[in-house]
């Protein structure tokens, strides 16, 4: 499913590719659209893609599973063709993976988390780097997590995958710096979205408390005692993809209210 409207054409602003079309990814995409940029998104959920196109018909959108190299490559090829190139890549898509002791994690689950959270970012970066190097401008923003600073028992695949994202980010920053291409990673904290609310409701039900009590408990180790709005993440991404951040590269940037600890 593909559509591109008034945002087509080199004069329409920066050309941005985003993996994801829901929640935070959608907030990021809408922030770029509001800035007058061309935006291309993909998502494994066809309904999410269709809904996005209904509300933002100017966007380029396609259903694609980032863990499928051929599908992701097809999307990236179509997006760069439609927009006449690319200036920024924002790798948002990631999965949580299993919640269980490491000795109980099955190989297929381990491999799936790394494939979605790391390998797909590598594939996407590999595809756009020739464009960025040729024009000597632009950049990449990868999504990690504040949990790499706290660590999470029973979440080894997820934490390892996000550490790999940070390693990829820093190494690409060094490799691409001489070409005036910047690469940074965002480390979001607890984002106020449907996924987090669902997790907190399950926690509340399991503990026999209200959801408000579950939220208060979850935030007790966040210095600012607050969740993060998707729009806040979007604002940081658009800043990193602007001339105001022209010398910001190789950075791991937390937008998390300072997560001190997690259980």
Protein backbone atom coordinates (compact mmCIF):
# COMPACT_ATOMS: atom_id res chain seq x y z
CA UNK A 1 0.00 0.00 0.00
CA UNK A 2 1.64 3.19 -1.17
CA UNK A 3 0.63 6.80 -1.45
CA UNK A 4 2.45 10.07 -1.77
CA UNK A 5 0.83 13.45 -2.13
CA UNK A 6 1.81 17.09 -1.86
CA UNK A 7 5.05 16.23 -0.04
CA UNK A 8 6.62 14.87 -3.24
CA UNK A 9 9.38 16.84 -4.89
CA UNK A 10 12.79 17.99 -3.73
CA UNK A 11 11.48 21.43 -2.75
CA UNK A 12 9.10 19.98 -0.17
CA UNK A 13 11.72 19.74 2.57
CA UNK A 14 13.88 16.99 3.97
CA UNK A 15 13.24 13.41 2.93
CA UNK A 16 12.75 11.15 5.93
CA UNK A 17 12.32 7.38 6.16
CA UNK A 18 10.85 5.99 9.39
CA UNK A 19 10.42 2.36 10.35
CA UNK A 20 7.09 2.13 12.13
CA UNK A 21 3.69 3.78 11.76
CA UNK A 22 2.19 3.42 15.24
CA UNK A 23 2.45 5.21 18.57
CA UNK A 24 5.88 6.85 18.89
CA UNK A 25 6.79 6.22 15.25
CA UNK A 26 3.59 7.90 14.15
CA UNK A 27 4.24 10.87 16.42
CA UNK A 28 7.69 11.21 14.88
CA UNK A 29 6.29 10.99 11.35
CA UNK A 30 3.61 13.60 12.08
CA UNK A 31 6.22 15.97 13.50
CA UNK A 32 8.20 15.80 10.27
CA UNK A 33 5.05 16.22 8.18
CA UNK A 34 4.14 19.30 10.19
CA UNK A 35 7.57 20.69 9.37
CA UNK A 36 6.87 20.32 5.65
CA UNK A 37 9.15 17.34 5.11
CA UNK A 38 8.56 14.35 2.89
CA UNK A 39 7.99 11.22 4.98
CA UNK A 40 7.94 7.52 4.20
CA UNK A 41 6.89 4.93 6.78
CA UNK A 42 6.48 1.18 6.93
CA UNK A 43 4.80 -1.09 9.44
CA UNK A 44 4.04 -4.78 9.70
CA UNK A 45 0.44 -3.92 10.65
CA UNK A 46 -1.50 -3.22 7.45
CA UNK A 47 -4.36 -1.67 9.40
CA UNK A 48 -2.00 0.86 11.00
CA UNK A 49 -0.67 1.79 7.57
CA UNK A 50 -4.19 2.21 6.20
CA UNK A 51 -5.26 4.32 9.17
CA UNK A 52 -2.22 6.55 8.79
CA UNK A 53 -2.95 7.07 5.10
CA UNK A 54 -6.54 7.98 5.87
CA UNK A 55 -5.51 10.72 8.28
CA UNK A 56 -2.32 11.83 6.49
CA UNK A 57 -2.80 11.17 2.76
CA UNK A 58 0.38 13.05 1.90
CA UNK A 59 2.58 10.38 3.46
CA UNK A 60 4.29 7.51 1.64
CA UNK A 61 3.34 4.32 3.47
CA UNK A 62 3.73 0.63 2.88
CA UNK A 63 3.10 -2.52 4.87
CA UNK A 64 6.43 -4.28 5.42
CA UNK A 65 7.98 -6.53 8.05
CA UNK A 66 11.41 -5.11 8.89
CA UNK A 67 12.61 -8.58 9.92
CA UNK A 68 12.17 -9.69 6.28
CA UNK A 69 15.20 -8.38 4.41
CA UNK A 70 13.52 -8.57 1.00
CA UNK A 71 10.38 -6.76 2.20
CA UNK A 72 12.38 -4.04 3.94
CA UNK A 73 14.64 -3.56 0.92
CA UNK A 74 11.62 -3.29 -1.36
CA UNK A 75 10.13 -0.61 0.89
CA UNK A 76 13.39 1.35 1.08
CA UNK A 77 13.87 1.19 -2.69
CA UNK A 78 10.31 2.38 -3.29
CA UNK A 79 10.59 5.16 -0.71
CA UNK A 80 13.86 6.56 -2.04
CA UNK A 81 12.52 6.41 -5.59
CA UNK A 82 9.30 8.21 -4.65
CA UNK A 83 11.13 10.92 -2.72
CA UNK A 84 14.11 11.21 -5.02
CA UNK A 85 16.54 10.10 -2.31
CA UNK A 86 16.74 10.32 1.48
CA UNK A 87 18.16 12.76 4.02
CA UNK A 88 17.35 11.05 7.32
CA UNK A 89 16.62 7.53 8.47
CA UNK A 90 14.81 7.03 11.80
CA UNK A 91 14.89 3.43 13.00
CA UNK A 92 12.04 3.16 15.51
CA UNK A 93 10.71 -0.39 15.22
CA UNK A 94 11.61 -2.78 18.02
CA UNK A 95 10.05 -5.63 19.96
CA UNK A 96 10.18 -6.46 23.66
CA UNK A 97 10.87 -10.16 23.30
CA UNK A 98 10.37 -12.80 26.00
CA UNK A 99 10.23 -12.13 29.73
CA UNK A 100 11.90 -15.15 31.28
CA UNK A 101 15.20 -16.28 32.78
CA UNK A 102 17.99 -16.51 30.22
CA UNK A 103 18.23 -20.30 30.56
CA UNK A 104 14.59 -20.56 29.48
CA UNK A 105 14.88 -18.34 26.39
CA UNK A 106 14.43 -20.33 23.19
CA UNK A 107 16.84 -19.78 20.34
CA UNK A 108 14.09 -18.74 17.93
CA UNK A 109 12.96 -15.98 20.32
CA UNK A 110 16.53 -14.77 20.83
CA UNK A 111 17.10 -14.63 17.09
CA UNK A 112 13.79 -12.88 16.40
CA UNK A 113 14.54 -10.07 18.86
CA UNK A 114 18.01 -9.47 17.43
CA UNK A 115 16.70 -9.65 13.88
CA UNK A 116 14.00 -7.03 14.47
CA UNK A 117 15.89 -4.78 16.89
CA UNK A 118 19.38 -4.82 15.37
CA UNK A 119 19.70 -6.55 12.03
CA UNK A 120 16.82 -4.60 10.51
CA UNK A 121 18.54 -1.36 11.55
CA UNK A 122 21.71 -2.56 9.86
CA UNK A 123 19.83 -3.37 6.67
CA UNK A 124 18.12 0.02 6.63
CA UNK A 125 21.34 1.90 7.37
CA UNK A 126 23.22 -0.03 4.70
CA UNK A 127 20.59 0.96 2.14
CA UNK A 128 20.60 4.71 2.87
CA UNK A 129 24.30 5.27 3.55
CA UNK A 130 25.25 5.55 -0.15
CA UNK A 131 22.72 8.39 -0.56
CA UNK A 132 23.96 10.21 2.54
CA UNK A 133 27.65 9.84 1.65
CA UNK A 134 27.08 11.00 -1.92
CA UNK A 135 25.35 14.22 -0.81
CA UNK A 136 27.62 14.67 2.24
CA UNK A 137 24.73 15.46 4.53
CA UNK A 138 21.94 13.93 6.56
CA UNK A 139 21.94 11.33 9.27
CA UNK A 140 20.46 8.37 11.12
CA UNK A 141 18.61 8.20 14.43
CA UNK A 142 18.32 4.77 16.06
CA UNK A 143 16.03 3.90 18.95
CA UNK A 144 17.59 2.17 21.94
CA UNK A 145 16.16 2.27 25.49
CA UNK A 146 16.90 3.78 28.88
CA UNK A 147 16.92 0.20 30.17
CA UNK A 148 20.45 -0.31 28.86
CA UNK A 149 21.52 1.91 31.76
CA UNK A 150 19.53 0.08 34.43
CA UNK A 151 19.53 -3.46 32.99
CA UNK A 152 16.56 -5.80 33.28
CA UNK A 153 16.65 -9.33 34.67
CA UNK A 154 14.65 -11.80 32.54
CA UNK A 155 14.99 -9.54 29.49
CA UNK A 156 18.37 -10.60 28.12
CA UNK A 157 17.47 -10.68 24.40
CA UNK A 158 15.99 -7.18 24.56
CA UNK A 159 18.84 -5.62 26.54
CA UNK A 160 21.52 -7.27 24.43
CA UNK A 161 19.81 -6.13 21.23
CA UNK A 162 19.64 -2.53 22.44
CA UNK A 163 23.29 -2.55 23.50
CA UNK A 164 24.03 -3.67 19.95
CA UNK A 165 21.99 -0.74 18.63
CA UNK A 166 24.16 1.63 20.64
CA UNK A 167 27.34 0.00 19.37
CA UNK A 168 26.12 0.24 15.79
CA UNK A 169 25.22 3.89 16.34
CA UNK A 170 28.58 4.91 17.75
CA UNK A 171 30.58 3.00 15.17
CA UNK A 172 28.57 4.42 12.28
CA UNK A 173 29.05 7.90 13.71
CA UNK A 174 32.80 7.44 13.50
CA UNK A 175 32.69 5.81 10.09
CA UNK A 176 30.37 8.38 8.52
CA UNK A 177 31.61 11.50 10.27
CA UNK A 178 34.18 12.32 7.58
CA UNK A 179 31.29 12.38 5.10
CA UNK A 180 29.34 14.93 7.21
CA UNK A 181 26.76 12.28 8.11
CA UNK A 182 25.58 12.16 11.72
CA UNK A 183 24.35 9.12 13.67
CA UNK A 184 22.75 9.22 17.13
CA UNK A 185 20.62 7.00 19.34
CA UNK A 186 17.65 7.87 21.53
CA UNK A 187 17.12 6.13 24.87
CA UNK A 188 13.43 6.64 25.73
CA UNK A 189 12.06 6.04 29.20
CA UNK A 190 8.51 4.85 30.00
CA UNK A 191 6.42 6.16 27.12
CA UNK A 192 2.78 6.98 27.79
CA UNK A 193 1.20 4.88 25.05
CA UNK A 194 -1.23 1.99 24.63
CA UNK A 195 1.49 -0.63 25.07
CA UNK A 196 2.68 0.77 28.39
CA UNK A 197 -0.85 1.25 29.66
CA UNK A 198 -1.66 -2.37 28.79
CA UNK A 199 1.46 -3.62 30.59
CA UNK A 200 0.62 -1.55 33.67
CA UNK A 201 -2.95 -2.80 33.69
CA UNK A 202 -1.73 -6.40 33.62
CA UNK A 203 0.67 -5.59 36.45
CA UNK A 204 -2.12 -3.98 38.46
CA UNK A 205 -4.40 -6.97 37.94
CA UNK A 206 -1.66 -9.40 38.97
CA UNK A 207 -0.87 -7.41 42.11
CA UNK A 208 -4.46 -6.65 43.04
CA UNK A 209 -3.98 -2.89 42.91
CA UNK A 210 -5.38 -0.06 40.79
CA UNK A 211 -3.67 1.02 37.62
CA UNK A 212 -2.86 4.38 39.20
CA UNK A 213 -1.11 2.54 42.03
CA UNK A 214 0.78 0.42 39.51
CA UNK A 215 1.87 3.55 37.66
CA UNK A 216 3.04 5.22 40.87
CA UNK A 217 5.04 2.12 41.75
CA UNK A 218 6.58 1.92 38.28
CA UNK A 219 7.67 5.57 38.43
CA UNK A 220 9.20 5.53 41.89
CA UNK A 221 12.67 5.04 40.39
CA UNK A 222 12.23 7.72 37.73
CA UNK A 223 13.72 10.94 39.10
CA UNK A 224 11.03 13.14 37.60
CA UNK A 225 8.26 10.68 38.57
CA UNK A 226 6.63 11.02 35.17
CA UNK A 227 6.10 9.20 31.91
CA UNK A 228 7.28 10.42 28.52
CA UNK A 229 4.87 11.62 25.87
CA UNK A 230 5.42 10.40 22.28
CA UNK A 231 5.48 14.05 21.18
CA UNK A 232 8.55 14.64 23.39
CA UNK A 233 10.40 11.86 21.59
CA UNK A 234 9.33 13.32 18.26
CA UNK A 235 10.67 16.74 19.22
CA UNK A 236 14.08 15.29 20.03
CA UNK A 237 14.19 13.34 16.78
CA UNK A 238 13.32 16.39 14.68
CA UNK A 239 15.98 18.37 16.54
CA UNK A 240 18.61 15.72 15.77
CA UNK A 241 17.51 15.85 12.13
CA UNK A 242 17.96 19.60 11.88
CA UNK A 243 20.78 22.04 11.24
CA UNK A 244 20.63 23.03 14.91
CA UNK A 245 22.21 19.63 15.67
CA UNK A 246 24.75 19.77 12.86
CA UNK A 247 27.60 18.80 15.21
CA UNK A 248 25.68 16.32 17.37
CA UNK A 249 26.79 12.81 16.47
CA UNK A 250 27.80 9.59 18.16
CA UNK A 251 25.56 10.41 21.13
CA UNK A 252 23.27 8.22 23.22
CA UNK A 253 20.56 10.64 24.30
CA UNK A 254 18.13 9.80 27.08
CA UNK A 255 14.60 11.20 27.02
CA UNK A 256 13.45 9.44 30.15
CA UNK A 257 13.11 11.74 33.16
CA UNK A 258 16.26 10.01 34.45
CA UNK A 259 15.41 6.36 35.02
CA UNK A 260 17.42 5.39 38.09
CA UNK A 261 16.51 1.72 38.39
CA UNK A 262 14.10 -0.95 37.14
CA UNK A 263 12.92 -4.23 38.54
